[in-house]
Amino acid sequence: MTAQKFLPYLLLTSSAFSLAQVARCADQTLPSALSAFSSINSPARQAAANDKLTLQAAIAEALAQSPALRVIEADVESARGEVLTAQTRPNPELTVAPGIKHVRETESSHNEFKGSVALSQPFRFPGKRELLVSIAERNVELRKLATDGLRFQLSAAVRKAFYELLAAQRIIELRRQQLESAQTFQQAAARRAETGYASDFEAVKSQGDVITAKKLLGAAEGEIAAVRVELNSLLGREPFAPIEVKGTPDDVFANRSLPNLLDIAMAENPSLRVQALKAELAGLNLRKARLARKPDFSVGPSLEYSKSEQILGLSVSFELARKGYGRGEIQTATAEQRKVRAETDALRREIAGAITKAATQLSTAYSQLALYSPTYLDQLKSVVEQAERSYAQNATSLLIYLDAKRTYFDTLADYYEAIADVASSRAALESAVGVPLEIESSKSNP
């Protein structure tokens, strides 16, 4: 049985033990305590638990509410409009120039109407239009890739906050049980002191345990409030809106070596794919700058009309480029291409460092979680139960009994935090790689 699979059993036994302890300290019978435990798992409480947020629902809500995604989706539509613009041919131009022609003859002169009509169709230099369309299409791909990358990173952030809140909920429940146990013991110690069966130290010590339990509960409440704010912000909710989650981090990554993770990232990381597209765009923009020196031209028929003559012609017009025209644009585009290449190299190194760090942290988190074996947790529970029985029979000291209880609660809290560290480290590694990694289900492990 893995540590994650042992968690539901551990929660059950720890709750039962705490209630049984309350029953003994308050001079109640064990059946009444078990009845109280049954009320905790009543149908009403189970129905309320069904309303808690699952990981899949949290991710879906975050993706639906993210304003950043809506901004990028609008950018995609804008880029598609640029493609249409690049594909559209320039409109033809019609020029009409009416006028008066003064005609001088030998003995007289007169005026007559003369007008000209010219129709011209602008054309881009061969290759320019296709190049502009390619640039616009790459911009669409770039924005789509940015959308996919943002979706993944947002999902990873939600996953991390979700598991942190899940662990915080378990810890705060544990601290409440610890406070309840300490208060019950304080009441029992006070009655024992009144009847002369306990010293004043026992009453003072029980009061100190209550203070410690309240401090730990307050710290747990502060931690869960901070995590709720983070998760609510990712989901687009009010920061302090009430939220509870349910689930268990019962999946682990498939066994992948660091070189394999690096290979996956170098091939599929969205940031690197964005850089690759930017490099391609920089090359296209350089070609565009060089083609800018090639003149566009216009071709069309023209007609000059007067009563005495009509002239039909064909006109061709184009720009005359001066020496050095377009050199500035070419220099700028060349520098931008070098910049993108340098940024790509820097990003590769940054991603490799992040993956190495996250993989190390995940390995450490797994090692720490493995320390809490089911055998050890069973032994811990047995020791606490034995200390409780011995103290009730005056066979052990008060300090040993209290130390056993404190060790029990602190160890469980550390265990829950270790589970959260694994989930957080796993999300950090997946975020560094940039793509979802294959997982192996631990449910098949007995």
Protein backbone atom coordinates (compact mmCIF):
# COMPACT_ATOMS: atom_id res chain seq x y z
CA MET A 1 0.00 0.00 0.00
CA THR A 2 1.50 3.34 -0.99
CA ALA A 3 1.53 6.34 1.33
CA GLN A 4 -1.12 8.08 -0.77
CA LYS A 5 -3.40 5.03 -0.69
CA PHE A 6 -2.98 4.82 3.07
CA LEU A 7 -4.31 8.36 3.59
CA PRO A 8 -8.08 7.60 3.77
CA TYR A 9 -7.42 4.78 6.25
CA LEU A 10 -5.22 7.08 8.30
CA LEU A 11 -7.88 9.77 8.46
CA LEU A 12 -10.42 7.20 9.62
CA THR A 13 -8.26 5.72 12.37
CA SER A 14 -7.00 9.11 13.60
CA SER A 15 -10.57 10.44 13.88
CA ALA A 16 -11.73 7.32 15.69
CA PHE A 17 -8.77 7.46 18.06
CA SER A 18 -9.35 11.12 18.87
CA LEU A 19 -13.01 10.53 19.68
CA ALA A 20 -12.22 7.46 21.75
CA GLN A 21 -9.70 9.54 23.69
CA VAL A 22 -12.33 12.21 24.28
CA ALA A 23 -14.70 9.57 25.59
CA ARG A 24 -12.21 8.22 28.11
CA CYS A 25 -11.11 11.64 29.37
CA ALA A 26 -14.70 12.81 29.80
CA ASP A 27 -15.74 9.59 31.54
CA GLN A 28 -18.01 8.64 28.63
CA THR A 29 -18.53 5.20 27.21
CA LEU A 30 -16.85 4.16 23.99
CA PRO A 31 -20.18 3.43 22.20
CA SER A 32 -21.28 7.02 22.73
CA ALA A 33 -18.04 8.24 21.19
CA LEU A 34 -18.46 5.92 18.23
CA SER A 35 -21.99 7.27 17.83
CA ALA A 36 -20.53 10.76 17.63
CA PHE A 37 -18.05 9.52 15.01
CA SER A 38 -20.94 8.10 12.97
CA SER A 39 -22.64 11.50 13.00
CA ILE A 40 -19.53 13.02 11.39
CA ASN A 41 -20.02 10.73 8.41
CA SER A 42 -23.77 11.26 8.23
CA PRO A 43 -25.55 11.50 4.84
CA ALA A 44 -25.96 15.25 5.32
CA ARG A 45 -22.23 15.72 5.69
CA GLN A 46 -21.52 13.42 2.74
CA ALA A 47 -23.96 15.44 0.61
CA ALA A 48 -22.12 18.62 1.57
CA ALA A 49 -18.83 17.02 0.66
CA ASN A 50 -20.18 16.27 -2.80
CA ASP A 51 -20.48 20.03 -3.37
CA LYS A 52 -16.74 20.51 -2.91
CA LEU A 53 -14.69 21.51 -5.93
CA THR A 54 -12.78 18.82 -7.84
CA LEU A 55 -9.52 19.44 -9.66
CA GLN A 56 -11.09 19.02 -13.10
CA ALA A 57 -13.87 21.48 -12.25
CA ALA A 58 -11.34 23.99 -10.89
CA ILE A 59 -9.23 23.87 -14.05
CA ALA A 60 -12.31 24.22 -16.27
CA GLU A 61 -13.53 27.22 -14.28
CA ALA A 62 -10.13 28.90 -14.39
CA LEU A 63 -9.88 28.49 -18.15
CA ALA A 64 -13.42 29.82 -18.65
CA GLN A 65 -12.90 32.88 -16.44
CA SER A 66 -9.36 33.87 -17.40
CA PRO A 67 -9.28 37.41 -18.89
CA ALA A 68 -5.77 36.79 -20.23
CA LEU A 69 -7.10 33.97 -22.40
CA ARG A 70 -9.83 36.22 -23.75
CA VAL A 71 -7.22 38.83 -24.63
CA ILE A 72 -5.12 36.32 -26.55
CA GLU A 73 -8.19 34.89 -28.30
CA ALA A 74 -9.03 38.42 -29.45
CA ASP A 75 -5.43 38.75 -30.66
CA VAL A 76 -5.90 35.57 -32.70
CA GLU A 77 -8.95 37.03 -34.40
CA SER A 78 -7.04 40.23 -35.05
CA ALA A 79 -4.19 38.28 -36.63
CA ARG A 80 -6.65 36.43 -38.86
CA GLY A 81 -7.87 39.80 -40.05
CA GLU A 82 -4.28 40.67 -40.95
CA VAL A 83 -4.16 37.53 -43.09
CA LEU A 84 -7.25 38.68 -44.99
CA THR A 85 -5.69 42.11 -45.42
CA ALA A 86 -2.48 40.62 -46.80
CA GLN A 87 -4.43 38.41 -49.23
CA THR A 88 -6.51 41.31 -50.57
CA ARG A 89 -5.21 42.86 -53.78
CA PRO A 90 -4.97 46.65 -54.00
CA ASN A 91 -7.98 48.43 -55.50
CA PRO A 92 -7.66 49.78 -59.05
CA GLU A 93 -7.42 53.53 -59.44
CA LEU A 94 -9.51 55.58 -61.85
CA THR A 95 -8.28 59.03 -62.82
CA VAL A 96 -10.54 61.53 -64.64
CA ALA A 97 -9.05 64.86 -65.77
CA PRO A 98 -11.48 67.14 -67.73
CA GLY A 99 -10.13 70.34 -69.29
CA ILE A 100 -10.23 72.91 -72.07
CA LYS A 101 -8.07 72.80 -75.18
CA HIS A 102 -7.33 76.18 -76.85
CA VAL A 103 -6.83 75.79 -80.58
CA ARG A 104 -5.25 78.56 -82.66
CA GLU A 105 -5.78 78.56 -86.36
CA THR A 106 -4.54 80.94 -89.10
CA GLU A 107 -7.35 83.44 -88.86
CA SER A 108 -9.06 82.52 -85.63
CA SER A 109 -8.86 80.49 -82.45
CA HIS A 110 -11.36 78.58 -80.41
CA ASN A 111 -11.68 76.44 -77.32
CA GLU A 112 -12.85 72.89 -77.24
CA PHE A 113 -13.32 70.24 -74.56
CA LYS A 114 -10.50 67.88 -73.83
CA GLY A 115 -10.47 65.21 -71.16
CA SER A 116 -8.46 62.21 -70.12
CA VAL A 117 -9.44 59.03 -68.38
CA ALA A 118 -6.88 56.60 -66.93
CA LEU A 119 -7.41 53.28 -65.20
CA SER A 120 -4.47 51.76 -63.35
CA GLN A 121 -4.07 48.60 -61.34
CA PRO A 122 -1.35 48.57 -58.67
CA PHE A 123 0.76 45.43 -58.49
CA ARG A 124 3.27 44.40 -55.86
CA PHE A 125 6.67 43.27 -56.95
CA PRO A 126 6.57 39.49 -57.53
CA GLY A 127 6.91 37.62 -54.22
CA LYS A 128 5.94 40.53 -51.95
CA ARG A 129 2.28 39.61 -51.56
CA GLU A 130 3.02 35.94 -50.85
CA LEU A 131 5.61 37.01 -48.30
CA LEU A 132 3.17 39.32 -46.50
CA VAL A 133 0.59 36.51 -46.38
CA SER A 134 3.18 34.14 -44.89
CA ILE A 135 4.09 36.69 -42.21
CA ALA A 136 0.43 37.21 -41.30
CA GLU A 137 -0.19 33.45 -41.10
CA ARG A 138 2.82 33.00 -38.82
CA ASN A 139 1.40 35.68 -36.55
CA VAL A 140 -1.83 33.67 -36.26
CA GLU A 141 0.14 30.52 -35.40
CA LEU A 142 2.17 32.49 -32.86
CA ARG A 143 -0.91 33.72 -31.04
CA LYS A 144 -2.54 30.28 -31.10
CA LEU A 145 0.59 28.78 -29.58
CA ALA A 146 0.58 31.48 -26.92
CA THR A 147 -3.02 30.54 -26.11
CA ASP A 148 -2.11 26.87 -25.71
CA GLY A 149 0.86 27.75 -23.53
CA LEU A 150 -1.21 30.01 -21.31
CA ARG A 151 -3.90 27.34 -20.92
CA PHE A 152 -1.31 24.81 -19.81
CA GLN A 153 0.45 27.17 -17.39
CA LEU A 154 -2.87 28.25 -15.90
CA SER A 155 -3.87 24.62 -15.44
CA ALA A 156 -0.54 23.89 -13.73
CA ALA A 157 -0.98 26.86 -11.38
CA VAL A 158 -4.52 25.74 -10.50
CA ARG A 159 -3.29 22.18 -9.89
CA LYS A 160 -0.59 23.42 -7.52
CA ALA A 161 -2.95 25.69 -5.55
CA PHE A 162 -5.61 22.96 -5.48
CA TYR A 163 -3.34 20.41 -3.82
CA GLU A 164 -1.97 23.01 -1.41
CA LEU A 165 -5.53 23.80 -0.33
CA LEU A 166 -6.33 20.09 -0.08
CA ALA A 167 -3.39 19.59 2.28
CA ALA A 168 -4.28 22.74 4.24
CA GLN A 169 -7.83 21.44 4.76
CA ARG A 170 -6.48 18.19 6.18
CA ILE A 171 -4.01 19.97 8.43
CA ILE A 172 -6.61 22.38 9.82
CA GLU A 173 -8.95 19.46 10.55
CA LEU A 174 -6.09 17.73 12.33
CA ARG A 175 -5.33 20.85 14.38
CA ARG A 176 -8.98 21.11 15.37
CA GLN A 177 -8.87 17.54 16.59
CA GLN A 178 -5.71 18.38 18.51
CA LEU A 179 -7.38 21.38 20.14
CA GLU A 180 -10.46 19.35 21.01
CA SER A 181 -8.27 16.66 22.57
CA ALA A 182 -6.30 19.24 24.57
CA GLN A 183 -9.47 20.94 25.85
CA THR A 184 -10.97 17.62 26.89
CA PHE A 185 -7.79 16.69 28.70
CA GLN A 186 -7.77 20.10 30.42
CA GLN A 187 -11.27 19.50 31.72
CA ALA A 188 -10.35 16.03 32.96
CA ALA A 189 -7.16 17.35 34.59
CA ALA A 190 -9.13 20.06 36.37
CA ARG A 191 -11.56 17.49 37.78
CA ARG A 192 -8.67 15.23 38.82
CA ALA A 193 -6.97 18.14 40.58
CA GLU A 194 -10.18 19.06 42.40
CA THR A 195 -10.56 15.50 43.71
CA GLY A 196 -6.89 15.26 44.67
CA TYR A 197 -5.89 12.69 42.01
CA ALA A 198 -3.61 15.06 40.11
CA SER A 199 -1.09 17.75 40.93
CA ASP A 200 -1.36 21.40 40.01
CA PHE A 201 1.33 20.79 37.37
CA GLU A 202 -1.04 18.52 35.47
CA ALA A 203 -3.65 21.30 35.28
CA VAL A 204 -1.04 23.89 34.25
CA LYS A 205 0.43 21.55 31.65
CA SER A 206 -3.00 20.84 30.17
CA GLN A 207 -3.63 24.58 29.90
CA GLY A 208 -0.31 24.98 28.09
CA ASP A 209 -1.29 22.27 25.63
CA VAL A 210 -4.54 24.11 24.90
CA ILE A 211 -2.59 27.31 24.20
CA THR A 212 -0.20 25.46 21.90
CA ALA A 213 -3.08 23.77 20.07
CA LYS A 214 -4.81 27.13 19.58
CA LYS A 215 -1.61 28.64 18.16
CA LEU A 216 -1.18 25.75 15.74
CA LEU A 217 -4.82 26.02 14.71
CA GLY A 218 -4.43 29.76 14.13
CA ALA A 219 -1.37 29.18 11.96
CA ALA A 220 -3.25 26.54 9.97
CA GLU A 221 -6.19 28.92 9.49
CA GLY A 222 -3.83 31.62 8.23
CA GLU A 223 -2.23 29.20 5.79
CA ILE A 224 -5.55 27.97 4.41
CA ALA A 225 -6.78 31.56 4.02
CA ALA A 226 -3.71 32.44 1.94
CA VAL A 227 -4.12 29.39 -0.29
CA ARG A 228 -7.83 30.12 -0.75
CA VAL A 229 -7.01 33.64 -1.92
CA GLU A 230 -4.55 32.24 -4.46
CA LEU A 231 -6.96 29.63 -5.81
CA ASN A 232 -9.91 32.03 -5.88
CA SER A 233 -7.83 34.52 -7.87
CA LEU A 234 -6.96 31.84 -10.43
CA LEU A 235 -10.64 30.88 -10.70
CA GLY A 236 -11.78 34.47 -11.16
CA ARG A 237 -13.71 34.49 -7.88
CA GLU A 238 -13.68 37.02 -5.07
CA PRO A 239 -10.40 36.62 -3.13
CA PHE A 240 -12.02 35.66 0.18
CA ALA A 241 -14.93 33.66 -1.23
CA PRO A 242 -15.48 30.37 0.63
CA ILE A 243 -14.10 27.40 -1.25
CA GLU A 244 -13.44 23.77 -0.38
CA VAL A 245 -11.87 21.10 -2.53
CA LYS A 246 -11.95 17.34 -2.59
CA GLY A 247 -9.71 14.68 -4.08
CA THR A 248 -6.49 12.81 -3.47
CA PRO A 249 -3.15 13.23 -5.27
CA ASP A 250 -2.95 9.53 -6.02
CA ASP A 251 -1.00 9.65 -9.29
CA VAL A 252 2.75 9.75 -9.72
CA PHE A 253 4.88 10.52 -12.71
CA ALA A 254 6.17 7.77 -14.88
CA ASN A 255 9.82 7.13 -14.20
CA ARG A 256 11.60 9.59 -16.51
CA SER A 257 15.25 10.45 -16.48
CA LEU A 258 16.45 14.03 -16.51
CA PRO A 259 17.84 13.76 -20.09
CA ASN A 260 14.46 12.47 -21.24
CA LEU A 261 12.66 15.40 -19.59
CA LEU A 262 15.08 17.83 -21.23
CA ASP A 263 14.52 16.23 -24.64
CA ILE A 264 10.74 16.55 -24.23
CA ALA A 265 11.06 20.20 -23.23
CA MET A 266 13.40 21.10 -26.08
CA ALA A 267 10.99 19.54 -28.58
CA GLU A 268 7.58 20.54 -27.18
CA ASN A 269 7.91 23.41 -24.70
CA PRO A 270 5.48 26.14 -25.84
CA SER A 271 7.93 28.94 -25.04
CA LEU A 272 10.59 27.37 -27.26
CA ARG A 273 8.04 26.76 -29.99
CA VAL A 274 7.07 30.43 -29.76
CA GLN A 275 10.75 31.37 -30.08
CA ALA A 276 11.08 29.11 -33.11
CA LEU A 277 8.16 30.90 -34.75
CA LYS A 278 9.65 34.26 -33.82
CA ALA A 279 12.93 33.22 -35.44
CA GLU A 280 11.03 32.23 -38.59
CA LEU A 281 9.19 35.55 -38.53
CA ALA A 282 12.48 37.41 -38.13
CA GLY A 283 13.77 35.68 -41.25
CA LEU A 284 10.62 36.56 -43.18
CA ASN A 285 10.83 40.18 -42.01
CA LEU A 286 14.42 40.31 -43.25
CA ARG A 287 13.28 39.07 -46.65
CA LYS A 288 10.51 41.69 -46.56
CA ALA A 289 13.05 44.45 -45.86
CA ARG A 290 15.19 43.33 -48.77
CA LEU A 291 12.21 43.09 -51.11
CA ALA A 292 11.14 46.59 -50.09
CA ARG A 293 13.90 47.87 -52.38
CA LYS A 294 12.10 46.26 -55.30
CA PRO A 295 9.56 48.78 -56.63
CA ASP A 296 5.83 48.16 -56.84
CA PHE A 297 4.24 49.26 -60.10
CA SER A 298 0.92 50.17 -61.65
CA VAL A 299 -0.33 49.27 -65.16
CA GLY A 300 -3.44 50.49 -66.92
CA PRO A 301 -4.97 52.03 -70.08
CA SER A 302 -5.54 55.72 -70.59
CA LEU A 303 -7.67 57.74 -73.01
CA GLU A 304 -7.29 61.37 -74.03
CA TYR A 305 -10.30 62.76 -75.84
CA SER A 306 -10.96 65.94 -77.77
CA LYS A 307 -13.15 66.77 -80.73
CA SER A 308 -10.25 66.80 -83.08
CA GLU A 309 -8.26 63.85 -81.72
CA GLN A 310 -8.45 60.79 -79.50
CA ILE A 311 -5.38 59.16 -78.01
CA LEU A 312 -5.42 55.66 -76.46
CA GLY A 313 -2.40 54.65 -74.49
CA LEU A 314 -1.04 52.23 -71.90
CA SER A 315 0.80 53.57 -68.87
CA VAL A 316 3.25 51.89 -66.52
CA SER A 317 4.47 53.66 -63.40
CA PHE A 318 6.90 52.63 -60.66
CA GLU A 319 9.12 54.17 -58.04
CA LEU A 320 12.74 54.98 -58.68
CA ALA A 321 14.73 53.82 -55.68
CA ARG A 322 17.59 56.00 -54.62
CA LYS A 323 20.99 54.63 -53.77
CA GLY A 324 20.95 53.19 -50.24
CA TYR A 325 17.16 53.03 -50.08
CA GLY A 326 15.98 50.44 -47.52
CA ARG A 327 19.38 49.89 -45.90
CA GLY A 328 18.05 50.98 -42.52
CA GLU A 329 15.17 48.50 -42.62
CA ILE A 330 17.55 45.70 -43.62
CA GLN A 331 19.92 46.51 -40.77
CA THR A 332 17.06 46.59 -38.27
CA ALA A 333 15.62 43.27 -39.47
CA THR A 334 19.06 41.63 -39.35
CA ALA A 335 19.59 42.82 -35.77
CA GLU A 336 16.14 41.54 -34.75
CA GLN A 337 16.99 38.13 -36.18
CA ARG A 338 20.20 37.96 -34.13
CA LYS A 339 18.26 39.10 -31.06
CA VAL A 340 15.69 36.30 -31.42
CA ARG A 341 18.43 33.72 -31.79
CA ALA A 342 20.17 34.96 -28.65
CA GLU A 343 16.89 34.97 -26.73
CA THR A 344 16.25 31.39 -27.83
CA ASP A 345 19.63 30.25 -26.52
CA ALA A 346 19.01 32.03 -23.21
CA LEU A 347 15.54 30.47 -22.94
CA ARG A 348 16.90 26.98 -23.56
CA ARG A 349 19.36 27.41 -20.71
CA GLU A 350 16.67 28.84 -18.43
CA ILE A 351 14.30 25.95 -19.13
CA ALA A 352 17.04 23.37 -18.62
CA GLY A 353 17.89 24.93 -15.26
CA ALA A 354 14.24 25.06 -14.18
CA ILE A 355 13.68 21.41 -15.13
CA THR A 356 16.81 20.28 -13.31
CA LYS A 357 15.80 22.19 -10.18
CA ALA A 358 12.19 20.98 -10.28
CA ALA A 359 13.22 17.35 -10.91
CA THR A 360 15.59 17.50 -7.94
CA GLN A 361 12.88 18.98 -5.71
CA LEU A 362 10.39 16.32 -6.81
CA SER A 363 12.87 13.54 -6.11
CA THR A 364 13.52 15.00 -2.66
CA ALA A 365 9.79 15.34 -2.00
CA TYR A 366 9.18 11.70 -2.95
CA SER A 367 12.05 10.61 -0.69
CA GLN A 368 10.63 12.55 2.23
CA LEU A 369 7.14 11.18 1.67
CA ALA A 370 8.51 7.64 1.56
CA LEU A 371 9.74 8.10 5.14
CA TYR A 372 6.13 7.98 6.32
CA SER A 373 5.56 4.32 5.58
CA PRO A 374 2.22 2.71 6.48
CA THR A 375 4.08 0.51 8.96
CA TYR A 376 5.48 3.53 10.76
CA LEU A 377 2.12 5.29 10.87
CA ASP A 378 0.50 2.13 12.28
CA GLN A 379 3.19 1.95 14.93
CA LEU A 380 2.66 5.60 15.80
CA LYS A 381 -1.04 5.03 16.28
CA SER A 382 -0.37 1.95 18.44
CA VAL A 383 2.10 3.85 20.62
CA VAL A 384 -0.42 6.62 21.25
CA GLU A 385 -3.15 4.14 22.12
CA GLN A 386 -0.80 2.28 24.44
CA ALA A 387 0.28 5.53 26.13
CA GLU A 388 -3.38 6.43 26.61
CA ARG A 389 -4.20 3.08 28.21
CA SER A 390 -1.11 3.20 30.41
CA TYR A 391 -1.88 6.72 31.59
CA ALA A 392 -5.47 5.75 32.40
CA GLN A 393 -4.07 2.89 34.56
CA ASN A 394 -1.43 5.18 36.15
CA ALA A 395 1.24 2.99 34.54
CA THR A 396 3.02 5.82 32.71
CA SER A 397 3.87 9.42 33.41
CA LEU A 398 1.92 12.44 32.29
CA LEU A 399 4.86 13.76 30.25
CA ILE A 400 5.17 10.53 28.25
CA TYR A 401 1.46 10.56 27.54
CA LEU A 402 1.44 14.19 26.42
CA ASP A 403 4.58 13.75 24.34
CA ALA A 404 3.03 10.76 22.57
CA LYS A 405 -0.04 12.80 21.69
CA ARG A 406 1.99 15.75 20.46
CA THR A 407 4.20 13.48 18.34
CA TYR A 408 1.13 11.88 16.83
CA PHE A 409 -0.50 15.14 15.73
CA ASP A 410 2.75 16.77 14.56
CA THR A 411 3.75 13.70 12.56
CA LEU A 412 0.40 13.58 10.78
CA ALA A 413 0.68 17.29 9.97
CA ASP A 414 4.17 16.74 8.55
CA TYR A 415 2.85 13.80 6.55
CA TYR A 416 0.11 15.90 4.96
CA GLU A 417 2.64 18.62 4.17
CA ALA A 418 4.89 16.02 2.55
CA ILE A 419 2.00 14.96 0.30
CA ALA A 420 1.42 18.61 -0.62
CA ASP A 421 5.14 19.07 -1.36
CA VAL A 422 5.03 16.14 -3.79
CA ALA A 423 2.00 17.58 -5.58
CA SER A 424 3.50 21.08 -5.72
CA SER A 425 6.88 19.81 -6.93
CA ARG A 426 5.18 17.66 -9.53
CA ALA A 427 3.22 20.66 -10.83
CA ALA A 428 6.40 22.75 -10.88
CA LEU A 429 8.23 20.12 -12.95
CA GLU A 430 5.36 19.82 -15.40
CA SER A 431 5.25 23.60 -15.70
CA ALA A 432 9.00 23.76 -16.35
CA VAL A 433 8.79 21.06 -19.05
CA GLY A 434 5.84 22.90 -20.57
CA VAL A 435 3.66 19.93 -21.52
CA PRO A 436 1.58 17.37 -19.60
CA LEU A 437 3.70 14.36 -18.70
CA GLU A 438 2.48 10.79 -18.79
CA ILE A 439 1.49 9.43 -15.40
CA GLU A 440 1.18 6.00 -13.93
CA SER A 441 -1.73 5.33 -11.65
CA SER A 442 -0.84 4.09 -8.19
CA LYS A 443 -4.29 2.54 -7.75
CA SER A 444 -2.99 -0.77 -8.97
CA ASN A 445 -0.60 -0.98 -6.03
CA PRO A 446 -2.02 -3.02 -3.16
